[in-house]
C-alpha cells in the first residue's frame, strides 16, 4: 500500500520514512521494466480521476488557502498555492502531455563499434527513487509524480504544510491511476506528515533507498537541502534573472518582452529581477522601458542614471543587484554595452536564466558564448524558462548545477545510462 495522508502527524517519523523508502525501492524495480503502455495508462487514468474529482481537490485547496491566509502568507505564496478550475485543467493537460512523451527508458543515446569487434551502446536507464521536497505549489504533486513515472522512477513527495490537503487530494488521483494500470501504488508516495523530521530523514538518504533529491521552494529550503543532503541534488537556489537591452534592440519588442518577463507572474523563478540597458540608447530607451513597467504596477529601483531620468525610481543598493524579489519590483542599471552586461551578470547571476534583446548577431553570439547560466534567451521573455514551454510536458524543477542535469529537469534528465557491450568471444590481451 502507498503511504496516504489522513493526519498531518505520525508517531514515529523515522520508522515511517524508512518504510516509505523500502517500498519505493521495490516499486522502482517494477517501474524499471514497466512498458510504455502501462505508464501511459497510469497517467491518462490519473488525469481522468483528477478531472472527475476536481471539486474534491478544490475543497481541499480551500482548506489550505484559508489556513495560509490565517498564517499571513504573502500574496505571492498564496498565488502559488491557489487552485481553480483552470489551474486544475492545466494540471490535467500536463499529465496528458507527459503521457504522450517518448519513453526515455531503453533509448540508445550513442552506439559505436570497436576494432576488436565489440559493439557498444549507451542506453538510458531510470535513476531509481527520486525524492521531491516542495512547499506551496500543489501542482508539483502531479508534475513530479508523472515525470518520475514516465522516466521509470519511483518518487517520494514531501509537500509543505501550506499545500498539505491540496497535495493529498491530487496524490489520491495519481494512486488511482497507478492502480488502473496495474502498477504499484508505492510508485508515487507522499509523506504523511508536515513534521520537518521527515525532511531530515530524506536528506540522510533513507538507508540508501533514495537516489536523488529535488528541492522546490524558497531559498531557505533549497539551501538546507544543498548543504545537508547525503544524496545528489538537482536544484537552483535562486532565480536572479537578467534582461539586457542592447543598442541594436527593437524598442517596441523590448518593451513587450521586458514587461512580460517581469510582470506576467512575479512570483516564479523565471521572472526577471534586473534590467540592464545599453548606455548608447539610454536617452531614448530607458524612459519608455521603465515607464511601461511602472504603469503596470512595478516598483523601480535604479542606479543614478535611472533615478535622474525617472524620479519615481528609488536608488538601488548593492544588495538589490543580488536579490530575487519574487514581487512587482525590478532593479535597473545603465551599462556600457555587451561587455559590461556580461560582467554584471557574471557577478550577480544565480545561473538560472538570462535574456538579451538585440538585433546584432555578434552581440547575441557573444551573449550566448560568454554567459554560463543554465538558460539563455534571445528576444524572448525569461518566463519561457519552463519545461512545459520547452516541450518537455512539464518539469520537476530547474537545475543550475553543472553535473548530470541542467535547466528544466524533464523525463530525459530523470534518467541515467548504462553501457551494453556485445561481443563474440573477445578476451582482453
Protein backbone atom coordinates (compact mmCIF):
# COMPACT_ATOMS: atom_id res chain seq x y z
CA UNK A 1 0.00 0.00 0.00
CA UNK A 2 1.17 3.56 -0.70
CA UNK A 3 1.52 5.97 2.14
CA UNK A 4 -1.66 8.02 2.28
CA UNK A 5 -2.35 11.25 4.08
CA UNK A 6 -5.10 11.27 6.65
CA UNK A 7 -3.42 13.16 9.50
CA UNK A 8 -0.50 15.55 9.47
CA UNK A 9 1.23 13.93 12.43
CA UNK A 10 2.61 10.42 12.87
CA UNK A 11 4.08 8.73 15.92
CA UNK A 12 7.45 7.59 14.60
CA UNK A 13 8.71 9.71 11.71
CA UNK A 14 11.99 7.84 11.24
CA UNK A 15 10.31 4.43 11.10
CA UNK A 16 7.61 5.65 8.71
CA UNK A 17 10.16 7.21 6.39
CA UNK A 18 12.25 4.04 6.34
CA UNK A 19 9.17 2.04 5.35
CA UNK A 20 8.40 4.53 2.60
CA UNK A 21 11.98 4.25 1.33
CA UNK A 22 11.94 0.47 1.25
CA UNK A 23 8.59 0.28 -0.53
CA UNK A 24 9.74 2.93 -3.04
CA UNK A 25 12.83 0.86 -3.86
CA UNK A 26 10.66 -2.20 -4.51
CA UNK A 27 8.32 -0.15 -6.70
CA UNK A 28 11.29 1.28 -8.62
CA UNK A 29 12.37 -2.20 -9.65
CA UNK A 30 8.92 -2.81 -11.11
CA UNK A 31 8.82 0.55 -12.87
CA UNK A 32 12.23 -0.01 -14.45
CA UNK A 33 10.69 -2.76 -16.57
CA UNK A 34 7.21 -1.25 -16.96
CA UNK A 35 6.04 -0.92 -20.54
CA UNK A 36 5.39 2.42 -22.16
CA UNK A 37 1.74 1.44 -22.40
CA UNK A 38 1.45 0.79 -18.67
CA UNK A 39 2.97 4.15 -17.82
CA UNK A 40 0.77 5.99 -20.29
CA UNK A 41 -2.33 4.27 -18.99
CA UNK A 42 -1.45 5.23 -15.42
CA UNK A 43 -1.00 8.89 -16.34
CA UNK A 44 -4.09 9.08 -18.53
CA UNK A 45 -6.15 7.45 -15.79
CA UNK A 46 -4.73 9.82 -13.18
CA UNK A 47 -5.68 12.76 -15.40
CA UNK A 48 -9.21 11.40 -15.76
CA UNK A 49 -9.53 10.94 -11.99
CA UNK A 50 -8.26 14.46 -11.36
CA UNK A 51 -10.84 15.89 -13.73
CA UNK A 52 -13.55 13.74 -12.13
CA UNK A 53 -12.53 14.65 -8.57
CA UNK A 54 -11.84 18.32 -9.31
CA UNK A 55 -14.35 19.53 -6.75
CA UNK A 56 -12.77 17.38 -4.04
CA UNK A 57 -9.38 18.88 -4.88
CA UNK A 58 -10.78 22.42 -4.84
CA UNK A 59 -12.34 21.84 -1.41
CA UNK A 60 -9.01 20.58 -0.11
CA UNK A 61 -7.28 23.60 -1.61
CA UNK A 62 -9.76 25.92 0.08
CA UNK A 63 -8.70 24.46 3.44
CA UNK A 64 -5.07 25.21 2.58
CA UNK A 65 -5.91 28.72 1.34
CA UNK A 66 -7.86 29.53 4.48
CA UNK A 67 -5.05 28.28 6.70
CA UNK A 68 -2.49 30.19 4.63
CA UNK A 69 -4.48 33.40 5.00
CA UNK A 70 -4.71 32.92 8.74
CA UNK A 71 -0.94 32.41 8.91
CA UNK A 72 -0.36 35.59 6.92
CA UNK A 73 1.22 34.03 3.83
CA UNK A 74 2.30 36.76 1.37
CA UNK A 75 0.29 37.29 -1.79
CA UNK A 76 2.92 35.65 -4.00
CA UNK A 77 2.82 32.47 -1.89
CA UNK A 78 -0.98 32.41 -1.88
CA UNK A 79 -0.93 32.75 -5.66
CA UNK A 80 1.35 29.72 -5.93
CA UNK A 81 -0.93 27.78 -3.62
CA UNK A 82 -4.30 28.65 -5.15
CA UNK A 83 -6.14 26.23 -7.40
CA UNK A 84 -9.20 26.93 -9.52
CA UNK A 85 -10.91 25.17 -12.38
CA UNK A 86 -8.48 26.48 -14.97
CA UNK A 87 -5.41 25.54 -12.95
CA UNK A 88 -6.73 22.03 -12.33
CA UNK A 89 -7.40 21.69 -16.04
CA UNK A 90 -3.81 22.84 -16.58
CA UNK A 91 -2.57 20.04 -14.30
CA UNK A 92 -4.74 17.56 -16.20
CA UNK A 93 -3.34 18.81 -19.51
CA UNK A 94 0.22 18.42 -18.19
CA UNK A 95 -0.47 14.81 -17.15
CA UNK A 96 -1.91 14.05 -20.56
CA UNK A 97 1.04 15.71 -22.30
CA UNK A 98 3.58 13.77 -20.25
CA UNK A 99 1.72 10.56 -21.07
CA UNK A 100 2.34 11.23 -24.77
CA UNK A 101 6.06 11.93 -24.42
CA UNK A 102 8.56 9.49 -25.85
CA UNK A 103 9.52 6.91 -23.25
CA UNK A 104 13.20 7.58 -22.48
CA UNK A 105 13.86 4.24 -20.80
CA UNK A 106 15.80 1.93 -23.08
CA UNK A 107 16.59 4.62 -25.65
CA UNK A 108 20.01 4.26 -27.26
CA UNK A 109 21.90 7.51 -26.74
CA UNK A 110 25.01 6.50 -28.65
CA UNK A 111 26.31 3.43 -30.45
CA UNK A 112 29.72 2.51 -31.85
CA UNK A 113 31.92 -0.45 -32.76
CA UNK A 114 35.47 -1.14 -31.64
CA UNK A 115 38.25 -2.53 -33.86
CA UNK A 116 38.17 -5.76 -31.85
CA UNK A 117 34.55 -6.33 -32.85
CA UNK A 118 32.88 -5.21 -29.62
CA UNK A 119 29.57 -3.39 -30.19
CA UNK A 120 28.91 -0.73 -27.55
CA UNK A 121 25.64 1.07 -26.79
CA UNK A 122 24.91 3.76 -24.22
CA UNK A 123 21.30 3.25 -23.12
CA UNK A 124 19.00 5.34 -20.93
CA UNK A 125 18.03 3.79 -17.61
CA UNK A 126 15.96 5.08 -14.64
CA UNK A 127 17.64 6.82 -11.71
CA UNK A 128 15.70 4.69 -9.21
CA UNK A 129 13.99 6.55 -6.36
CA UNK A 130 13.60 10.32 -6.55
CA UNK A 131 12.73 12.45 -3.54
CA UNK A 132 10.96 15.76 -4.16
CA UNK A 133 10.70 18.30 -1.35
CA UNK A 134 8.45 21.23 -2.17
CA UNK A 135 6.47 23.95 -0.48
CA UNK A 136 3.34 25.74 -1.66
CA UNK A 137 2.74 24.53 -5.23
CA UNK A 138 0.28 21.60 -5.13
CA UNK A 139 0.67 21.00 -8.89
CA UNK A 140 4.16 19.66 -8.15
CA UNK A 141 2.46 16.54 -6.77
CA UNK A 142 1.14 15.70 -10.23
CA UNK A 143 4.02 17.06 -12.31
CA UNK A 144 6.76 15.37 -10.29
CA UNK A 145 4.84 12.13 -9.94
CA UNK A 146 4.13 11.96 -13.67
CA UNK A 147 7.63 12.84 -14.83
CA UNK A 148 9.27 10.36 -12.48
CA UNK A 149 6.84 7.65 -13.53
CA UNK A 150 7.43 8.21 -17.24
CA UNK A 151 11.17 8.01 -16.60
CA UNK A 152 10.72 4.70 -14.78
CA UNK A 153 11.42 6.10 -11.30
CA UNK A 154 9.56 5.77 -8.04
CA UNK A 155 9.07 9.09 -6.26
CA UNK A 156 8.65 10.20 -2.67
CA UNK A 157 6.89 13.56 -2.40
CA UNK A 158 7.22 15.72 0.67
CA UNK A 159 4.99 18.77 0.35
CA UNK A 160 4.92 21.65 2.78
CA UNK A 161 2.28 22.44 5.35
CA UNK A 162 0.93 25.18 3.06
CA UNK A 163 -0.27 22.70 0.43
CA UNK A 164 -0.84 19.68 2.68
CA UNK A 165 -4.50 18.97 1.87
CA UNK A 166 -4.32 20.01 -1.80
CA UNK A 167 -1.34 17.75 -2.44
CA UNK A 168 -3.01 14.85 -0.63
CA UNK A 169 -6.12 15.14 -2.80
CA UNK A 170 -4.09 15.22 -6.02
CA UNK A 171 -1.98 12.31 -4.80
CA UNK A 172 -5.07 10.14 -4.38
CA UNK A 173 -5.86 10.66 -8.07
CA UNK A 174 -2.34 9.64 -9.02
CA UNK A 175 -2.58 6.43 -6.98
CA UNK A 176 -5.92 5.58 -8.60
CA UNK A 177 -4.26 5.93 -11.98
CA UNK A 178 -1.44 3.60 -10.97
CA UNK A 179 -3.96 1.00 -9.77
CA UNK A 180 -5.86 1.07 -13.05
CA UNK A 181 -2.62 0.44 -14.93
CA UNK A 182 -1.62 -2.46 -12.69
CA UNK A 183 1.38 -0.60 -11.29
CA UNK A 184 2.23 -0.44 -7.57
CA UNK A 185 0.68 2.42 -5.61
CA UNK A 186 4.01 2.86 -3.87
CA UNK A 187 5.46 4.14 -7.15
CA UNK A 188 4.20 7.60 -6.12
CA UNK A 189 4.18 8.16 -2.37
CA UNK A 190 3.52 11.27 -0.35
CA UNK A 191 4.98 11.84 3.11
CA UNK A 192 2.01 11.73 5.51
CA UNK A 193 3.24 14.42 7.88
CA UNK A 194 4.38 18.03 7.95
CA UNK A 195 6.92 17.21 10.65
CA UNK A 196 10.27 18.60 9.49
CA UNK A 197 11.97 15.49 10.81
CA UNK A 198 10.73 13.77 7.64
CA UNK A 199 12.90 16.10 5.57
CA UNK A 200 15.88 15.21 7.76
CA UNK A 201 15.32 11.52 7.08
CA UNK A 202 15.20 12.16 3.33
CA UNK A 203 18.41 14.19 3.48
CA UNK A 204 20.10 11.17 5.07
CA UNK A 205 19.05 9.04 2.11
CA UNK A 206 16.58 6.63 3.76
CA UNK A 207 19.20 3.95 4.32
CA UNK A 208 20.42 4.08 0.75
CA UNK A 209 16.95 3.79 -0.77
CA UNK A 210 16.89 7.35 -2.11
CA UNK A 211 18.94 8.08 -5.24
CA UNK A 212 18.45 11.81 -5.85
CA UNK A 213 16.70 14.79 -4.24
CA UNK A 214 14.91 17.67 -5.92
CA UNK A 215 14.01 20.65 -3.69
CA UNK A 216 11.41 23.10 -4.98
CA UNK A 217 10.73 26.10 -2.82
CA UNK A 218 12.23 29.09 -1.13
CA UNK A 219 15.87 29.88 -0.61
CA UNK A 220 15.90 28.51 2.94
CA UNK A 221 14.59 25.10 1.90
CA UNK A 222 16.90 24.75 -1.09
CA UNK A 223 19.92 25.92 0.89
CA UNK A 224 19.25 23.37 3.63
CA UNK A 225 18.92 20.54 1.13
CA UNK A 226 22.07 21.52 -0.74
CA UNK A 227 24.06 21.89 2.49
CA UNK A 228 22.85 18.80 4.33
CA UNK A 229 21.92 16.18 1.74
CA UNK A 230 23.91 12.94 1.60
CA UNK A 231 22.47 12.14 -1.83
CA UNK A 232 22.85 14.04 -5.12
CA UNK A 233 20.67 17.15 -5.52
CA UNK A 234 19.07 18.72 -8.60
CA UNK A 235 18.27 22.30 -7.61
CA UNK A 236 18.60 26.01 -8.05
CA UNK A 237 19.00 28.26 -5.05
CA UNK A 238 17.59 31.46 -6.56
CA UNK A 239 16.29 32.80 -9.83
CA UNK A 240 18.09 36.12 -10.20
CA UNK A 241 17.30 36.54 -13.90
CA UNK A 242 18.56 39.40 -16.08
CA UNK A 243 17.47 41.08 -19.29
CA UNK A 244 20.00 43.09 -21.27
CA UNK A 245 18.60 45.55 -23.82
CA UNK A 246 21.29 46.26 -26.41
CA UNK A 247 21.57 49.39 -28.56
CA UNK A 248 20.53 47.23 -31.55
CA UNK A 249 17.28 46.16 -29.90
CA UNK A 250 13.87 46.96 -31.35
CA UNK A 251 12.32 49.22 -28.70
CA UNK A 252 8.73 48.02 -29.07
CA UNK A 253 9.89 44.41 -28.81
CA UNK A 254 11.99 45.26 -25.78
CA UNK A 255 9.04 46.93 -24.02
CA UNK A 256 6.82 43.92 -24.64
CA UNK A 257 9.40 41.30 -23.63
CA UNK A 258 10.60 43.16 -20.52
CA UNK A 259 7.02 43.71 -19.32
CA UNK A 260 6.16 40.04 -19.74
CA UNK A 261 9.42 38.82 -18.19
CA UNK A 262 8.81 40.85 -15.04
CA UNK A 263 5.05 41.13 -14.63
CA UNK A 264 3.37 38.06 -16.16
CA UNK A 265 3.89 36.21 -12.88
CA UNK A 266 6.22 37.93 -10.45
CA UNK A 267 6.48 35.03 -8.02
CA UNK A 268 8.10 32.42 -10.27
CA UNK A 269 11.81 31.70 -10.55
CA UNK A 270 11.88 32.71 -14.22
CA UNK A 271 10.69 36.25 -13.53
CA UNK A 272 13.23 38.93 -14.48
CA UNK A 273 14.74 40.71 -11.47
CA UNK A 274 17.29 43.02 -13.13
CA UNK A 275 17.06 45.09 -16.32
CA UNK A 276 20.31 46.24 -17.95
CA UNK A 277 20.14 48.98 -20.59
CA UNK A 278 22.90 49.87 -23.03
CA UNK A 279 24.12 53.40 -22.30
CA UNK A 280 24.27 54.09 -26.06
CA UNK A 281 20.44 54.14 -26.19
CA UNK A 282 19.63 55.17 -22.61
CA UNK A 283 18.42 58.60 -23.73
CA UNK A 284 15.74 57.08 -25.95
CA UNK A 285 15.09 53.61 -24.47
CA UNK A 286 15.32 53.98 -20.69
CA UNK A 287 12.25 56.12 -20.06
CA UNK A 288 9.87 54.10 -22.29
CA UNK A 289 11.05 50.82 -20.70
CA UNK A 290 10.74 51.85 -17.05
CA UNK A 291 7.50 53.76 -17.71
CA UNK A 292 5.95 50.63 -19.21
CA UNK A 293 6.89 48.69 -16.09
CA UNK A 294 5.81 51.45 -13.71
CA UNK A 295 2.39 51.79 -15.35
CA UNK A 296 1.89 48.05 -14.90
CA UNK A 297 2.43 48.44 -11.15
CA UNK A 298 6.12 47.60 -10.92
CA UNK A 299 8.35 49.42 -8.44
CA UNK A 300 11.63 50.63 -9.96
CA UNK A 301 14.96 50.63 -8.16
CA UNK A 302 17.76 52.01 -10.26
CA UNK A 303 21.26 53.39 -10.41
CA UNK A 304 21.91 57.13 -10.52
CA UNK A 305 21.27 57.36 -14.26
CA UNK A 306 17.88 55.67 -13.87
CA UNK A 307 16.81 57.85 -10.95
CA UNK A 308 17.86 61.00 -12.82
CA UNK A 309 15.74 60.03 -15.83
CA UNK A 310 12.82 58.61 -13.84
CA UNK A 311 12.38 60.38 -10.47
CA UNK A 312 9.74 57.87 -9.30
CA UNK A 313 12.52 55.29 -9.01
CA UNK A 314 14.44 54.83 -5.77
CA UNK A 315 18.19 54.47 -5.69
CA UNK A 316 19.27 50.82 -5.78
CA UNK A 317 21.66 49.49 -3.17
CA UNK A 318 24.38 46.90 -3.70
CA UNK A 319 22.04 44.31 -2.20
CA UNK A 320 19.42 44.92 -4.90
CA UNK A 321 21.63 43.54 -7.67
CA UNK A 322 21.75 40.15 -5.92
CA UNK A 323 18.13 39.98 -4.72
CA UNK A 324 15.40 37.70 -6.03
CA UNK A 325 12.36 39.88 -5.38
CA UNK A 326 9.58 37.50 -6.47
CA UNK A 327 7.39 40.58 -6.46
CA UNK A 328 6.44 43.56 -8.62
CA UNK A 329 9.83 45.17 -8.18
CA UNK A 330 12.84 45.35 -10.50
CA UNK A 331 16.36 46.77 -10.35
CA UNK A 332 17.50 48.74 -13.40
CA UNK A 333 21.01 49.72 -14.42
CA UNK A 334 22.55 51.59 -17.34
CA UNK A 335 25.70 49.84 -18.53
CA UNK A 336 28.36 50.28 -21.21
CA UNK A 337 27.37 47.71 -23.81
CA UNK A 338 27.53 43.94 -24.05
CA UNK A 339 30.86 43.58 -22.24
CA UNK A 340 29.60 45.40 -19.16
CA UNK A 341 26.35 43.44 -19.30
CA UNK A 342 28.23 40.14 -19.29
CA UNK A 343 30.43 41.31 -16.41
CA UNK A 344 27.41 42.35 -14.34
CA UNK A 345 25.60 39.07 -14.98
CA UNK A 346 28.70 37.04 -14.13
CA UNK A 347 28.97 38.88 -10.80
CA UNK A 348 25.35 38.78 -9.68
CA UNK A 349 23.52 36.00 -11.54
CA UNK A 350 22.31 32.85 -9.83
CA UNK A 351 22.91 30.92 -13.05
CA UNK A 352 19.22 30.41 -13.83
CA UNK A 353 18.06 32.39 -16.91
CA UNK A 354 19.28 35.48 -18.77
CA UNK A 355 17.89 37.22 -21.86
CA UNK A 356 19.33 39.57 -24.48
CA UNK A 357 17.17 41.84 -26.61
CA UNK A 358 19.21 42.65 -29.71
CA UNK A 359 19.26 42.55 -33.50
CA UNK A 360 23.06 42.50 -33.74
CA UNK A 361 24.01 38.86 -34.35
CA UNK A 362 27.52 39.39 -32.96
CA UNK A 363 26.10 40.71 -29.67
CA UNK A 364 23.78 37.73 -29.41
CA UNK A 365 26.56 35.26 -30.15
CA UNK A 366 28.82 36.82 -27.54
CA UNK A 367 25.99 36.73 -25.00
CA UNK A 368 25.41 33.03 -25.69
CA UNK A 369 29.11 32.16 -25.73
CA UNK A 370 30.28 34.01 -22.64
CA UNK A 371 27.41 33.69 -20.15
CA UNK A 372 27.24 30.35 -18.36
CA UNK A 373 23.70 30.34 -16.96
CA UNK A 374 21.56 27.26 -17.47
CA UNK A 375 19.14 29.01 -19.87
CA UNK A 376 19.86 31.86 -22.29
CA UNK A 377 17.14 33.67 -24.25
CA UNK A 378 17.33 35.90 -27.32
CA UNK A 379 14.42 38.25 -28.00
CA UNK A 380 12.16 36.24 -25.70
CA UNK A 381 10.82 36.51 -22.16
CA UNK A 382 12.68 34.84 -19.32
CA UNK A 383 9.33 33.38 -18.26
CA UNK A 384 9.73 30.78 -21.01
CA UNK A 385 12.24 29.08 -18.66
CA UNK A 386 9.86 26.21 -18.08
CA UNK A 387 9.83 22.54 -19.00
CA UNK A 388 6.34 22.73 -20.46
CA UNK A 389 7.34 25.64 -22.69
CA UNK A 390 10.41 23.66 -23.78
CA UNK A 391 8.18 20.84 -24.99
CA UNK A 392 9.05 18.55 -22.09
CA UNK A 393 5.42 18.23 -20.97
CA UNK A 394 6.35 19.62 -17.58
CA UNK A 395 9.38 19.85 -15.34
CA UNK A 396 10.32 18.64 -11.90
CA UNK A 397 12.41 21.77 -11.40
CA UNK A 398 15.18 23.91 -12.88
CA UNK A 399 18.71 22.74 -12.17
CA UNK A 400 21.53 25.29 -12.19
CA UNK A 401 24.32 22.90 -11.25
CA UNK A 402 26.70 21.50 -13.85
CA UNK A 403 26.54 17.79 -13.06
CA UNK A 404 24.07 15.48 -14.81
CA UNK A 405 21.01 17.73 -15.19
CA UNK A 406 20.90 21.42 -16.08
CA UNK A 407 17.97 23.69 -16.91
CA UNK A 408 14.44 22.22 -16.92
CA UNK A 409 14.51 18.71 -15.49
CA UNK A 410 12.15 16.62 -17.60
CA UNK A 411 11.84 12.91 -18.31
CA UNK A 412 15.21 12.57 -20.07
CA UNK A 413 17.02 14.39 -17.26
CA UNK A 414 15.42 11.96 -14.80
CA UNK A 415 17.33 9.07 -16.34
CA UNK A 416 20.92 7.94 -16.18
CA UNK A 417 22.53 5.48 -18.59
CA UNK A 418 24.33 2.20 -18.76
CA UNK A 419 26.60 0.60 -21.32
CA UNK A 420 25.51 -2.54 -23.14
CA UNK A 421 28.52 -4.24 -24.75
CA UNK A 422 28.04 -7.12 -27.21
CA UNK A 423 30.88 -9.42 -28.19
CA UNK A 424 31.57 -12.67 -29.95
CA UNK A 425 34.02 -14.27 -27.57
CA UNK A 426 36.60 -11.46 -27.27
CA UNK A 427 39.16 -11.63 -24.46
CA UNK A 428 41.45 -8.81 -23.41
CA UNK A 429 45.17 -9.42 -24.06
